[in-house]
Protein backbone atom coordinates (compact mmCIF):
# COMPACT_ATOMS: atom_id res chain seq x y z
CA MET A 1 -7.19 -13.22 -20.72
CA GLY A 2 -4.59 -10.49 -21.03
CA CYS A 3 -4.84 -7.22 -19.22
CA SER A 4 -7.42 -5.24 -21.24
CA ARG A 5 -7.70 -1.48 -21.58
CA ASN A 6 -10.76 -1.42 -19.30
CA GLN A 7 -8.99 -3.53 -16.70
CA ALA A 8 -5.95 -1.26 -16.70
CA LEU A 9 -8.00 1.94 -16.42
CA GLY A 10 -10.25 0.41 -13.76
CA GLY A 11 -7.23 -0.74 -11.79
CA ALA A 12 -5.67 2.72 -12.05
CA MET A 13 -8.84 4.38 -10.73
CA LEU A 14 -8.92 1.97 -7.79
CA VAL A 15 -5.31 2.78 -6.94
CA VAL A 16 -6.03 6.52 -7.01
CA ALA A 17 -8.90 5.98 -4.56
CA TYR A 18 -6.61 3.76 -2.46
CA THR A 19 -3.99 6.51 -2.18
CA GLY A 20 -6.53 8.96 -0.79
CA LEU A 21 -7.71 6.49 1.84
CA ILE A 22 -4.24 5.31 2.85
CA ALA A 23 -2.82 8.85 3.04
CA SER A 24 -5.62 9.75 5.45
CA ALA A 25 -4.94 6.60 7.47
CA ASP A 26 -1.23 7.45 7.59
CA GLY A 27 -2.10 10.88 8.94
CA ILE A 28 -3.99 9.24 11.80
CA THR A 29 -1.04 6.90 12.40
CA LYS A 30 1.26 9.92 12.69
CA LEU A 31 -1.20 11.55 15.09
CA LEU A 32 -1.41 8.54 17.42
CA ALA A 33 2.12 7.13 17.09
CA GLY A 34 3.57 9.60 19.57
CA GLN A 35 1.06 8.67 22.26
CA TYR A 36 0.57 4.92 22.03
CA ALA A 37 2.52 1.77 21.28
CA ALA A 38 2.02 -0.01 17.97
CA ALA A 39 0.36 -2.93 19.76
CA GLN A 40 -2.40 -0.73 21.13
CA LEU A 41 -3.31 0.91 17.82
CA TYR A 42 -3.10 -2.27 15.77
CA ALA A 43 -4.89 -4.52 18.25
CA LEU A 44 -7.85 -2.13 18.21
CA SER A 45 -7.82 -1.31 14.51
CA GLY A 46 -7.09 -4.91 13.49
CA ALA A 47 -10.06 -6.15 15.50
CA MET A 48 -12.25 -3.48 13.91
CA VAL A 49 -11.14 -4.38 10.38
CA VAL A 50 -11.83 -8.06 11.09
CA GLY A 51 -15.29 -7.00 12.27
CA PHE A 52 -15.84 -4.97 9.10
CA CYS A 53 -14.88 -8.04 7.05
CA LEU A 54 -17.37 -10.21 8.93
CA LEU A 55 -20.11 -7.64 8.34
CA ALA A 56 -19.22 -7.25 4.65
CA ASP A 57 -19.34 -11.02 4.18
CA ARG A 58 -23.02 -10.93 5.16
CA LEU A 59 -23.87 -8.76 2.16
CA PRO A 60 -25.50 -10.90 -0.57
CA ARG A 61 -23.14 -9.74 -3.33
CA LEU A 62 -20.02 -10.35 -1.26
CA ARG A 63 -20.93 -13.50 0.63
CA GLY A 64 -18.20 -15.99 -0.15
CA GLY A 65 -16.74 -16.84 3.22
CA PHE A 66 -13.04 -16.66 3.86
CA ARG A 67 -11.89 -19.85 2.19
CA THR A 68 -8.69 -19.57 0.20
CA ARG A 69 -7.11 -21.74 -2.46
CA CYS A 70 -3.65 -20.49 -1.49
CA PRO A 71 -3.24 -21.01 2.28
CA ARG A 72 0.56 -20.88 2.23
CA ALA A 73 0.65 -17.73 0.14
CA MET A 74 -2.02 -16.20 2.39
CA ALA A 75 0.11 -17.00 5.44
CA LEU A 76 3.12 -15.33 3.80
CA ARG A 77 1.04 -12.27 2.95
CA SER A 78 -0.30 -12.09 6.52
CA VAL A 79 3.17 -12.22 8.08
CA ALA A 80 4.54 -9.68 5.60
CA THR A 81 1.62 -7.36 6.34
CA LEU A 82 2.27 -7.68 10.08
CA ILE A 83 5.94 -6.77 9.66
CA ALA A 84 5.13 -3.87 7.33
CA ALA A 85 2.49 -2.43 9.66
CA VAL A 86 4.77 -2.43 12.70
CA CYS A 87 7.72 -1.03 10.76
CA PHE A 88 5.63 1.75 9.19
CA PHE A 89 4.26 2.66 12.62
CA TYR A 90 7.74 3.25 14.04
CA ALA A 91 8.97 4.86 10.83
CA PHE A 92 6.21 7.46 11.13
CA ARG A 93 7.13 7.95 14.78
CA LEU A 94 10.85 8.43 14.09
CA LEU A 95 10.84 10.25 10.76
CA PRO A 96 8.98 13.13 9.09
CA PHE A 97 6.19 12.19 6.69
CA ALA A 98 8.13 13.23 3.59
CA GLU A 99 11.16 11.17 4.57
CA VAL A 100 9.06 8.03 5.00
CA PHE A 101 7.49 8.64 1.61
CA VAL A 102 10.95 8.71 0.02
CA PHE A 103 11.26 5.08 1.05
CA ILE A 104 7.76 4.42 -0.28
CA GLY A 105 9.11 5.77 -3.56
CA LEU A 106 11.41 2.74 -3.68
CA MET A 107 8.44 0.38 -3.82
CA PRO A 108 8.01 0.46 -7.63
CA LEU A 109 11.63 -0.61 -8.10
CA LEU A 110 11.22 -3.38 -5.54
CA ALA A 111 7.93 -4.41 -7.13
CA GLY A 112 9.58 -4.63 -10.53
CA ALA A 113 12.23 -6.94 -9.16
CA MET A 114 9.73 -9.05 -7.21
CA SER A 115 7.36 -9.29 -10.18
CA GLY A 116 10.09 -10.95 -12.16
CA LEU A 117 11.32 -13.23 -9.38
CA VAL A 118 8.02 -14.25 -7.78
CA LEU A 119 5.38 -13.79 -10.48
CA LYS A 120 7.54 -14.34 -13.58
CA GLU A 121 6.07 -11.16 -15.08
CA PRO A 122 8.59 -9.66 -17.50
CA VAL A 123 9.40 -5.98 -17.00
CA ARG A 124 10.47 -4.33 -20.25
CA PRO A 125 13.49 -1.97 -20.33
CA ALA A 126 11.18 0.97 -21.09
CA ALA A 127 9.18 0.15 -17.98
CA TRP A 128 12.36 0.14 -15.89
CA ILE A 129 13.15 3.61 -17.25
CA ALA A 130 9.67 4.77 -16.20
CA LEU A 131 10.16 3.23 -12.75
CA LEU A 132 13.45 5.08 -12.30
CA ALA A 133 11.85 8.30 -13.55
CA GLY A 134 9.09 7.89 -10.98
CA PHE A 135 11.64 7.52 -8.20
CA ALA A 136 13.46 10.62 -9.47
CA GLY A 137 10.15 12.43 -9.19
CA VAL A 138 9.86 11.29 -5.60
CA LEU A 139 13.19 12.99 -4.84
CA PHE A 140 11.70 16.33 -5.92
CA LEU A 141 9.10 15.90 -3.20
CA LEU A 142 11.70 15.96 -0.45
CA PRO A 143 11.83 19.07 1.72
CA HIS A 144 15.07 20.98 1.25
CA GLY A 145 17.30 22.41 3.93
CA GLY A 146 16.81 19.64 6.49
CA ASP A 147 19.27 19.25 9.35
CA GLY A 148 20.17 15.66 8.35
CA SER A 149 19.81 14.44 11.92
CA HIS A 150 17.03 11.94 11.38
CA SER A 151 17.32 8.59 13.05
CA ALA A 152 19.28 5.82 11.35
CA THR A 153 16.92 3.44 13.11
CA GLY A 154 14.03 5.21 11.42
CA HIS A 155 15.68 4.70 8.05
CA PHE A 156 16.19 1.02 8.75
CA VAL A 157 12.60 0.38 9.82
CA ALA A 158 11.27 2.44 6.89
CA PHE A 159 13.27 0.30 4.47
CA ALA A 160 12.08 -2.88 6.19
CA ALA A 161 8.52 -1.55 5.90
CA VAL A 162 8.68 -0.99 2.16
CA VAL A 163 10.37 -4.35 1.49
CA SER A 164 7.80 -6.29 3.49
CA GLY A 165 4.94 -4.14 2.18
CA THR A 166 5.98 -4.67 -1.43
CA PHE A 167 6.32 -8.41 -0.83
CA SER A 168 2.81 -8.47 0.67
CA MET A 169 1.40 -6.75 -2.43
CA THR A 170 3.29 -9.10 -4.75
CA ILE A 171 1.84 -12.11 -2.94
CA ALA A 172 -1.61 -10.48 -3.13
CA ARG A 173 -1.30 -10.40 -6.92
CA PHE A 174 -0.14 -14.03 -6.91
CA ILE A 175 -3.21 -15.05 -4.89
CA GLY A 176 -5.42 -12.99 -7.20
CA ARG A 177 -4.44 -15.27 -10.08
CA TYR A 178 -6.22 -18.19 -8.45
CA GLU A 179 -9.16 -16.63 -6.59
CA SER A 180 -11.31 -13.51 -6.69
CA ASN A 181 -12.23 -13.38 -3.00
CA ALA A 182 -10.69 -10.00 -2.14
CA LEU A 183 -12.30 -10.02 1.31
CA ALA A 184 -10.20 -12.99 2.43
CA GLN A 185 -7.04 -11.06 1.57
CA VAL A 186 -8.14 -8.29 3.91
CA PHE A 187 -9.44 -10.60 6.64
CA TYR A 188 -6.47 -12.88 7.28
CA PRO A 189 -3.67 -10.27 7.38
CA ASN A 190 -5.68 -8.13 9.81
CA LEU A 191 -6.61 -11.16 11.92
CA THR A 192 -2.89 -11.98 12.13
CA LEU A 193 -2.07 -8.37 13.00
CA CYS A 194 -4.74 -8.23 15.70
CA GLY A 195 -3.72 -11.58 17.22
CA ALA A 196 -0.03 -10.72 17.36
CA MET A 197 -0.66 -7.30 18.87
CA LEU A 198 -3.04 -8.70 21.50
CA LEU A 199 -0.14 -10.73 22.90
CA ALA A 200 1.79 -7.54 23.62
CA LEU A 201 -1.18 -5.36 24.53
CA PRO A 202 -1.22 -6.06 28.32
CA PHE A 203 2.33 -4.74 28.59
CA VAL A 204 1.80 -1.45 26.73
CA TRP A 205 -1.86 -0.53 27.27
CA VAL A 206 -2.61 3.00 28.41
CA PRO A 207 -6.13 4.44 28.80
CA MET A 208 -7.47 6.12 25.67
CA PRO A 209 -9.86 9.07 25.69
CA LEU A 210 -12.98 8.69 23.59
CA ALA A 211 -11.62 11.02 20.93
CA ASP A 212 -8.59 8.79 20.36
CA VAL A 213 -10.81 5.71 20.20
CA ALA A 214 -12.76 7.50 17.48
CA TRP A 215 -9.51 8.21 15.62
CA ALA A 216 -8.57 4.53 15.88
CA ALA A 217 -11.99 3.56 14.50
CA ALA A 218 -11.59 6.02 11.62
CA TYR A 219 -8.16 4.57 10.93
CA ALA A 220 -9.60 1.04 10.85
CA PHE A 221 -12.38 2.06 8.45
CA LEU A 222 -9.96 3.82 6.10
CA LEU A 223 -7.55 0.89 6.22
CA PHE A 224 -10.32 -1.61 5.51
CA GLY A 225 -11.43 0.29 2.43
CA ALA A 226 -7.89 0.94 1.23
CA ARG A 227 -6.71 -2.66 1.49
CA TRP A 228 -9.83 -3.96 -0.19
CA LEU A 229 -9.39 -1.60 -3.13
CA LEU A 230 -5.70 -2.48 -3.41
CA VAL A 231 -6.35 -6.22 -3.55
CA VAL A 232 -8.84 -5.71 -6.39
CA ALA A 233 -6.44 -3.37 -8.20
CA LEU A 234 -3.66 -5.94 -7.98
CA ARG A 235 -5.87 -8.40 -9.87
CA LEU A 236 -6.17 -5.89 -12.71
CA LEU A 237 -2.66 -4.42 -12.89
CA ALA A 238 0.86 -5.76 -12.42
CA SER A 239 2.33 -4.77 -9.08
CA TYR A 240 5.13 -2.74 -10.73
CA ALA A 241 2.41 -0.61 -12.40
CA VAL A 242 0.37 -0.26 -9.20
CA THR A 243 3.19 0.96 -6.97
CA PRO A 244 4.14 4.08 -8.99
CA LEU A 245 0.50 5.17 -8.89
CA MET A 246 0.62 4.69 -5.12
CA ASN A 247 3.11 7.57 -5.03
CA LEU A 248 0.10 9.82 -5.60
CA GLN A 249 -0.01 9.73 -1.80
CA PHE A 250 2.39 12.66 -2.01
CA ILE A 251 -0.22 14.71 -3.83
CA TRP A 252 -2.92 13.78 -1.33
CA MET A 253 -0.64 14.79 1.53
CA ALA A 254 0.06 18.14 -0.13
CA VAL A 255 -3.69 18.76 -0.46
CA ILE A 256 -4.40 17.63 3.11
CA GLY A 257 -1.58 19.80 4.43
CA ALA A 258 -2.81 22.87 2.55
CA VAL A 259 -6.49 22.45 3.44
CA PHE A 260 -6.23 21.35 7.05
CA PHE A 261 -2.85 22.63 8.24
CA GLY A 262 -2.13 25.64 6.03
CA GLU A 263 1.04 24.03 4.64
CA PHE A 264 1.90 25.01 1.06
CA PRO A 265 4.67 22.95 -0.56
CA PRO A 266 7.33 24.51 -2.83
CA ALA A 267 7.25 24.33 -6.62
CA SER A 268 9.60 21.33 -6.56
CA THR A 269 6.82 19.32 -4.95
CA TYR A 270 4.51 19.92 -7.88
CA LEU A 271 7.29 19.14 -10.37
CA GLY A 272 8.01 15.88 -8.60
CA GLY A 273 4.33 15.04 -8.47
CA ALA A 274 4.02 15.58 -12.22
CA ILE A 275 6.95 13.22 -12.87
CA VAL A 276 5.48 10.59 -10.56
CA ILE A 277 2.07 10.81 -12.23
CA ALA A 278 3.57 10.64 -15.73
CA SER A 279 5.60 7.58 -14.75
CA GLY A 280 2.54 5.88 -13.31
CA LEU A 281 0.40 6.65 -16.36
CA TYR A 282 3.05 5.20 -18.66
CA LEU A 283 3.20 1.99 -16.66
CA VAL A 284 -0.60 1.68 -16.78
CA TRP A 285 -0.50 2.18 -20.55
CA ASP A 286 2.31 -0.38 -20.76
CA GLN A 287 -0.10 -3.00 -19.43
CA PHE A 288 -2.05 -3.02 -22.69
CA ALA A 289 0.53 -1.62 -25.13
CA PRO A 290 0.35 -3.23 -28.58
CA ALA A 291 4.13 -3.73 -28.51
CA MET A 292 3.76 -6.85 -26.35
CA PRO A 293 1.61 -9.25 -28.44
CA ARG A 294 4.14 -12.07 -28.19
CA LEU A 295 4.25 -11.98 -24.41
CA ARG A 296 0.49 -11.75 -24.14
CA SER A 297 -0.12 -14.59 -26.55
CA ALA A 298 2.14 -16.72 -24.39
CA GLY A 299 -0.07 -15.89 -21.42
CA ARG A 300 2.81 -14.60 -19.30
CA LEU A 301 0.87 -11.54 -18.17
CA GLN A 302 -2.33 -13.43 -17.38
CA THR A 303 -4.01 -12.32 -14.17
CA ASP A 304 -7.08 -14.55 -14.15
CA PRO A 305 -6.96 -18.25 -13.22
């Protein structure tokens, strides 16, 4: 069936919840990135997320195992998730939060391109305008008066992170066309992440106080919930509509900064946030706009197998 109004609104609500969880997880990443190597954080958190998946699979309503109809696509998603996780870790270490989020603001544009190339989902010209408007809104969220001395390496890894992260989400939507087992899409990428990081762990391990172990566990729990919600949302909305809504992370970070750190952003931050939200809402509406009956009747926007 085509993407219905209820599907679009439900997907949008899931993405909003996702942004709150992932923004909190990113805050923990920033906290721990200066003290530990990526392998240490991701080996621990990846193992915990795998454990959460195994526990969730025992619930009667979720019991479906981890079989997948798309093993090759799942392998691609797992590798892309691994690359994105490592690159984001070092981007948060090398760059300020806001500067990393500018690169995250590129994800809707990348998702629009990948949706057409990989998923054959047409992106209308009006949607491209909304995508560009959303990115313009992201620019308003940048802090002004910076010294411009941030690491070029940080910029490179941040760009690599958003490219691989967007590709992972695009593949997640592809897999969602053929199966509804969201748990498998959380399990395999984190199993891959944990396994790869365990290989490097003996060379970078440093003792962790109990408080930092607790932070790593909190990170794993937030990541588990966020990735699960995102996989479900990507079954309901096109990836180019999901990614602008993900820019609501900026708003969450503004709230977290004000409440917990006493940081109050300038007016430009709120203006940018309003543009980002408006862009995202338009793209959600575009999923069930009556102006696309021909495309829908042809089944080109179908998300169910």
